[in-house]
C-alpha cells in the first residue's frame, strides 16, 4: 500500500507544475544556510589545517 501511495504522490508532483515549483523553490532553512556559509568560508583544503606548526597554520588561514 505504501508504494502505491508514493507512486501516486510522485505522479501528482510530476504532473502539477505549481506543486513542483512550490516544493523545489522554497528558501533554505537555517541549517542549510549555515552549511552553505561554512562551505564558502572554508574553501581552502576543505577548511582543514593539516600542520601543527603555528607559522604554517597562519599561512593556511591567510
PDB file of N, CA and C in Angstrom:
ATOM      1  N   UNK A   1       0.829  -1.199   0.000  1.00  0.00           N
ATOM      2  CA  UNK A   1       0.000   0.000   0.000  1.00  0.00           C
ATOM      3  C   UNK A   1       0.869   1.256   0.000  1.00  0.00           C
ATOM      4  N   UNK A   2       1.980   1.251   0.725  1.00  0.00           N
ATOM      5  CA  UNK A   2       2.843   2.421   0.795  1.00  0.00           C
ATOM      6  C   UNK A   2       3.454   2.782  -0.543  1.00  0.00           C
ATOM      7  N   UNK A   3       3.814   1.765  -1.318  1.00  0.00           N
ATOM      8  CA  UNK A   3       4.401   2.021  -2.641  1.00  0.00           C
ATOM      9  C   UNK A   3       3.389   2.673  -3.569  1.00  0.00           C
ATOM     10  N   UNK A   4       2.138   2.254  -3.468  1.00  0.00           N
ATOM     11  CA  UNK A   4       1.091   2.832  -4.314  1.00  0.00           C
ATOM     12  C   UNK A   4       0.881   4.304  -3.965  1.00  0.00           C
ATOM     13  N   UNK A   5       0.864   4.603  -2.688  1.00  0.00           N
ATOM     14  CA  UNK A   5       0.685   5.996  -2.257  1.00  0.00           C
ATOM     15  C   UNK A   5       1.864   6.843  -2.727  1.00  0.00           C
ATOM     16  N   UNK A   6       3.078   6.319  -2.580  1.00  0.00           N
ATOM     17  CA  UNK A   6       4.264   7.057  -3.025  1.00  0.00           C
ATOM     18  C   UNK A   6       4.237   7.269  -4.534  1.00  0.00           C
ATOM     19  N   UNK A   7       3.804   6.273  -5.266  1.00  0.00           N
ATOM     20  CA  UNK A   7       3.728   6.398  -6.723  1.00  0.00           C
ATOM     21  C   UNK A   7       2.707   7.455  -7.117  1.00  0.00           C
ATOM     22  N   UNK A   8       1.570   7.466  -6.461  1.00  0.00           N
ATOM     23  CA  UNK A   8       0.538   8.462  -6.753  1.00  0.00           C
ATOM     24  C   UNK A   8       1.066   9.862  -6.444  1.00  0.00           C
ATOM     25  N   UNK A   9       1.739  10.013  -5.320  1.00  0.00           N
ATOM     26  CA  UNK A   9       2.296  11.328  -4.957  1.00  0.00           C
ATOM     27  C   UNK A   9       3.344  11.771  -5.965  1.00  0.00           C
ATOM     28  N   UNK A  10       4.194  10.851  -6.417  1.00  0.00           N
ATOM     29  CA  UNK A  10       5.222  11.186  -7.394  1.00  0.00           C
ATOM     30  C   UNK A  10       4.594  11.601  -8.713  1.00  0.00           C
ATOM     31  N   UNK A  11       3.574  10.880  -9.158  1.00  0.00           N
ATOM     32  CA  UNK A  11       2.889  11.238 -10.401  1.00  0.00           C
ATOM     33  C   UNK A  11       2.185  12.589 -10.278  1.00  0.00           C
ATOM     34  N   UNK A  12       1.606  12.849  -9.125  1.00  0.00           N
ATOM     35  CA  UNK A  12       0.964  14.138  -8.877  1.00  0.00           C
ATOM     36  C   UNK A  12       1.983  15.270  -8.921  1.00  0.00           C
ATOM     37  N   UNK A  13       3.148  15.025  -8.335  1.00  0.00           N
ATOM     38  CA  UNK A  13       4.221  16.013  -8.317  1.00  0.00           C
ATOM     39  C   UNK A  13       4.701  16.310  -9.738  1.00  0.00           C
ATOM     40  N   UNK A  14       4.872  15.276 -10.543  1.00  0.00           N
ATOM     41  CA  UNK A  14       5.361  15.441 -11.913  1.00  0.00           C
ATOM     42  C   UNK A  14       4.337  16.177 -12.777  1.00  0.00           C
ATOM     43  N   UNK A  15       3.061  15.866 -12.594  1.00  0.00           N
ATOM     44  CA  UNK A  15       2.040  16.433 -13.469  1.00  0.00           C
ATOM     45  C   UNK A  15       1.596  17.839 -13.064  1.00  0.00           C
ATOM     46  N   UNK A  16       1.751  18.220 -11.819  1.00  0.00           N
ATOM     47  CA  UNK A  16       1.279  19.519 -11.338  1.00  0.00           C
ATOM     48  C   UNK A  16       2.451  20.497 -11.265  1.00  0.00           C
ATOM     49  N   UNK A  17       2.539  21.407 -12.212  1.00  0.00           N
ATOM     50  CA  UNK A  17       3.681  22.324 -12.273  1.00  0.00           C
ATOM     51  C   UNK A  17       3.703  23.289 -11.086  1.00  0.00           C
ATOM     52  N   UNK A  18       2.549  23.727 -10.599  1.00  0.00           N
ATOM     53  CA  UNK A  18       2.537  24.645  -9.457  1.00  0.00           C
ATOM     54  C   UNK A  18       3.037  23.942  -8.192  1.00  0.00           C
ATOM     55  N   UNK A  19       2.687  22.675  -8.027  1.00  0.00           N
ATOM     56  CA  UNK A  19       3.187  21.914  -6.877  1.00  0.00           C
ATOM     57  C   UNK A  19       4.696  21.730  -6.976  1.00  0.00           C
ATOM     58  N   UNK A  20       5.175  21.454  -8.166  1.00  0.00           N
ATOM     59  CA  UNK A  20       6.606  21.278  -8.386  1.00  0.00           C
ATOM     60  C   UNK A  20       7.363  22.556  -8.033  1.00  0.00           C
ATOM     61  N   UNK A  21       6.872  23.700  -8.492  1.00  0.00           N
ATOM     62  CA  UNK A  21       7.522  24.979  -8.176  1.00  0.00           C
ATOM     63  C   UNK A  21       7.483  25.260  -6.685  1.00  0.00           C
ATOM     64  N   UNK A  22       6.359  24.976  -6.055  1.00  0.00           N
ATOM     65  CA  UNK A  22       6.209  25.251  -4.631  1.00  0.00           C
ATOM     66  C   UNK A  22       7.163  24.397  -3.797  1.00  0.00           C
ATOM     67  N   UNK A  23       7.387  23.170  -4.202  1.00  0.00           N
ATOM     68  CA  UNK A  23       8.249  22.269  -3.442  1.00  0.00           C
ATOM     69  C   UNK A  23       9.725  22.568  -3.685  1.00  0.00           C
ATOM     70  N   UNK A  24      10.098  22.831  -4.939  1.00  0.00           N
ATOM     71  CA  UNK A  24      11.515  22.967  -5.265  1.00  0.00           C
ATOM     72  C   UNK A  24      12.065  24.368  -5.070  1.00  0.00           C
ATOM     73  N   UNK A  25      11.232  25.378  -4.957  1.00  0.00           N
ATOM     74  CA  UNK A  25      11.732  26.739  -4.842  1.00  0.00           C
ATOM     75  C   UNK A  25      11.517  27.327  -3.458  1.00  0.00           C
ATOM     76  N   UNK A  26      11.625  26.511  -2.453  1.00  0.00           N
ATOM     77  CA  UNK A  26      11.474  27.031  -1.100  1.00  0.00           C
ATOM     78  C   UNK A  26      12.807  27.644  -0.657  1.00  0.00           C
ATOM     79  N   UNK A  27      12.765  28.620   0.208  1.00  0.00           N
ATOM     80  CA  UNK A  27      14.017  29.204   0.697  1.00  0.00           C
ATOM     81  C   UNK A  27      14.738  28.212   1.610  1.00  0.00           C
ATOM     82  N   UNK A  28      16.049  28.264   1.661  1.00  0.00           N
ATOM     83  CA  UNK A  28      16.784  27.338   2.516  1.00  0.00           C
ATOM     84  C   UNK A  28      16.523  27.635   3.997  1.00  0.00           C
ATOM     85  N   UNK A  29      16.553  26.587   4.803  1.00  0.00           N
ATOM     86  CA  UNK A  29      16.368  26.799   6.233  1.00  0.00           C
ATOM     87  C   UNK A  29      17.691  27.233   6.861  1.00  0.00           C
ATOM     88  N   UNK A  30      17.695  27.455   8.156  1.00  0.00           N
ATOM     89  CA  UNK A  30      18.881  27.992   8.827  1.00  0.00           C
ATOM     90  C   UNK A  30      20.065  27.039   8.750  1.00  0.00           C
ATOM     91  N   UNK A  31      19.821  25.749   8.870  1.00  0.00           N
ATOM     92  CA  UNK A  31      20.915  24.778   8.827  1.00  0.00           C
ATOM     93  C   UNK A  31      21.536  24.745   7.438  1.00  0.00           C
ATOM     94  N   UNK A  32      20.715  24.734   6.390  1.00  0.00           N
ATOM     95  CA  UNK A  32      21.240  24.752   5.027  1.00  0.00           C
ATOM     96  C   UNK A  32      22.017  26.033   4.767  1.00  0.00           C
ATOM     97  N   UNK A  33      21.512  27.155   5.256  1.00  0.00           N
ATOM     98  CA  UNK A  33      22.214  28.422   5.080  1.00  0.00           C
ATOM     99  C   UNK A  33      23.558  28.398   5.793  1.00  0.00           C
ATOM    100  N   UNK A  34      23.580  27.867   7.008  1.00  0.00           N
ATOM    101  CA  UNK A  34      24.832  27.785   7.760  1.00  0.00           C
ATOM    102  C   UNK A  34      25.828  26.867   7.062  1.00  0.00           C
ATOM    103  N   UNK A  35      25.364  25.726   6.555  1.00  0.00           N
ATOM    104  CA  UNK A  35      26.267  24.811   5.845  1.00  0.00           C
ATOM    105  C   UNK A  35      26.814  25.451   4.580  1.00  0.00           C
ATOM    106  N   UNK A  36      25.983  26.179   3.856  1.00  0.00           N
ATOM    107  CA  UNK A  36      26.463  26.885   2.675  1.00  0.00           C
ATOM    108  C   UNK A  36      27.497  27.942   3.052  1.00  0.00           C
ATOM    109  N   UNK A  37      27.265  28.635   4.151  1.00  0.00           N
ATOM    110  CA  UNK A  37      28.209  29.646   4.615  1.00  0.00           C
ATOM    111  C   UNK A  37      29.541  29.021   5.009  1.00  0.00           C
ATOM    112  N   UNK A  38      29.510  27.907   5.747  1.00  0.00           N
ATOM    113  CA  UNK A  38      30.768  27.272   6.151  1.00  0.00           C
ATOM    114  C   UNK A  38      31.504  26.695   4.947  1.00  0.00           C
ATOM    115  N   UNK A  39      30.778  26.188   3.956  1.00  0.00           N
ATOM    116  CA  UNK A  39      31.429  25.730   2.726  1.00  0.00           C
ATOM    117  C   UNK A  39      32.108  26.893   2.014  1.00  0.00           C
ATOM    118  N   UNK A  40      31.446  28.039   1.983  1.00  0.00           N
ATOM    119  CA  UNK A  40      32.023  29.211   1.338  1.00  0.00           C
ATOM    120  C   UNK A  40      33.229  29.712   2.121  1.00  0.00           C
ATOM    121  N   UNK A  41      33.119  29.702   3.447  1.00  0.00           N
ATOM    122  CA  UNK A  41      34.180  30.223   4.302  1.00  0.00           C
ATOM    123  C   UNK A  41      35.422  29.350   4.259  1.00  0.00           C
ATOM    124  N   UNK A  42      35.257  28.054   4.268  1.00  0.00           N
ATOM    125  CA  UNK A  42      36.379  27.115   4.325  1.00  0.00           C
ATOM    126  C   UNK A  42      36.652  26.565   2.933  1.00  0.00           C
ATOM    127  N   UNK A  43      37.115  27.420   2.028  1.00  0.00           N
ATOM    128  CA  UNK A  43      37.319  26.988   0.650  1.00  0.00           C
ATOM    129  C   UNK A  43      38.647  26.294   0.443  1.00  0.00           C
ATOM    130  N   UNK A  44      39.644  26.593   1.237  1.00  0.00           N
ATOM    131  CA  UNK A  44      40.986  26.059   1.018  1.00  0.00           C
ATOM    132  C   UNK A  44      41.156  24.738   1.764  1.00  0.00           C
ATOM    133  N   UNK A  45      41.375  23.660   1.044  1.00  0.00           N
ATOM    134  CA  UNK A  45      41.603  22.334   1.617  1.00  0.00           C
ATOM    135  C   UNK A  45      40.419  21.883   2.488  1.00  0.00           C
ATOM    136  N   UNK A  46      39.257  22.318   2.161  1.00  0.00           N
ATOM    137  CA  UNK A  46      38.074  21.932   2.919  1.00  0.00           C
ATOM    138  C   UNK A  46      38.055  22.480   4.332  1.00  0.00           C
ATOM    139  N   UNK A  47      38.846  23.519   4.593  1.00  0.00           N
ATOM    140  CA  UNK A  47      38.900  24.114   5.924  1.00  0.00           C
ATOM    141  C   UNK A  47      39.752  23.344   6.904  1.00  0.00           C
ATOM    142  N   UNK A  48      40.524  22.366   6.421  1.00  0.00           N
ATOM    143  CA  UNK A  48      41.356  21.555   7.297  1.00  0.00           C
ATOM    144  C   UNK A  48      42.762  22.140   7.348  1.00  0.00           C
ATOM    145  N   UNK A  49      43.257  22.373   8.555  1.00  0.00           N
ATOM    146  CA  UNK A  49      44.641  22.807   8.744  1.00  0.00           C
ATOM    147  C   UNK A  49      45.418  21.567   9.164  1.00  0.00           C
ATOM    148  N   UNK A  50      46.303  21.106   8.277  1.00  0.00           N
ATOM    149  CA  UNK A  50      46.952  19.816   8.471  1.00  0.00           C
ATOM    150  C   UNK A  50      48.248  19.900   9.267  1.00  0.00           C
ATOM    151  N   UNK A  51      48.817  21.092   9.441  1.00  0.00           N
ATOM    152  CA  UNK A  51      50.110  21.224  10.123  1.00  0.00           C
ATOM    153  C   UNK A  51      49.935  21.607  11.586  1.00  0.00           C
ATOM    154  N   UNK A  52      50.892  21.175  12.392  1.00  0.00           N
ATOM    155  CA  UNK A  52      50.918  21.577  13.794  1.00  0.00           C
ATOM    156  C   UNK A  52      51.785  22.797  14.015  1.00  0.00           C
ATOM    157  N   UNK A  53      52.512  23.206  13.003  1.00  0.00           N
ATOM    158  CA  UNK A  53      53.392  24.358  13.091  1.00  0.00           C
ATOM    159  C   UNK A  53      52.561  25.641  13.034  1.00  0.00           C
ATOM    160  N   UNK A  54      52.648  26.506  14.047  1.00  0.00           N
ATOM    161  CA  UNK A  54      51.836  27.727  14.072  1.00  0.00           C
ATOM    162  C   UNK A  54      52.086  28.643  12.856  1.00  0.00           C
ATOM    163  N   UNK A  55      53.315  28.680  12.359  1.00  0.00           N
ATOM    164  CA  UNK A  55      53.609  29.519  11.200  1.00  0.00           C
ATOM    165  C   UNK A  55      52.879  28.987   9.968  1.00  0.00           C
ATOM    166  N   UNK A  56      52.887  27.674   9.779  1.00  0.00           N
ATOM    167  CA  UNK A  56      52.182  27.050   8.649  1.00  0.00           C
ATOM    168  C   UNK A  56      50.674  27.207   8.809  1.00  0.00           C
ATOM    169  N   UNK A  57      50.177  27.140  10.033  1.00  0.00           N
ATOM    170  CA  UNK A  57      48.745  27.338  10.267  1.00  0.00           C
ATOM    171  C   UNK A  57      48.332  28.754   9.890  1.00  0.00           C
ATOM    172  N   UNK A  58      49.163  29.710  10.252  1.00  0.00           N
ATOM    173  CA  UNK A  58      48.859  31.098   9.916  1.00  0.00           C
ATOM    174  C   UNK A  58      48.859  31.313   8.405  1.00  0.00           C
ATOM    175  N   UNK A  59      49.790  30.678   7.721  1.00  0.00           N
ATOM    176  CA  UNK A  59      49.835  30.763   6.251  1.00  0.00           C
ATOM    177  C   UNK A  59      48.556  30.175   5.641  1.00  0.00           C
ATOM    178  N   UNK A  60      48.123  29.037   6.174  1.00  0.00           N
ATOM    179  CA  UNK A  60      46.914  28.388   5.643  1.00  0.00           C
ATOM    180  C   UNK A  60      45.678  29.242   5.860  1.00  0.00           C
ATOM    181  N   UNK A  61      45.621  29.919   7.002  1.00  0.00           N
ATOM    182  CA  UNK A  61      44.456  30.750   7.314  1.00  0.00           C
ATOM    183  C   UNK A  61      44.425  31.977   6.418  1.00  0.00           C
ATOM    184  N   UNK A  62      45.599  32.548   6.167  1.00  0.00           N
ATOM    185  CA  UNK A  62      45.662  33.754   5.320  1.00  0.00           C
ATOM    186  C   UNK A  62      45.374  33.390   3.905  1.00  0.00           C
TER     187      UNK A  62
END
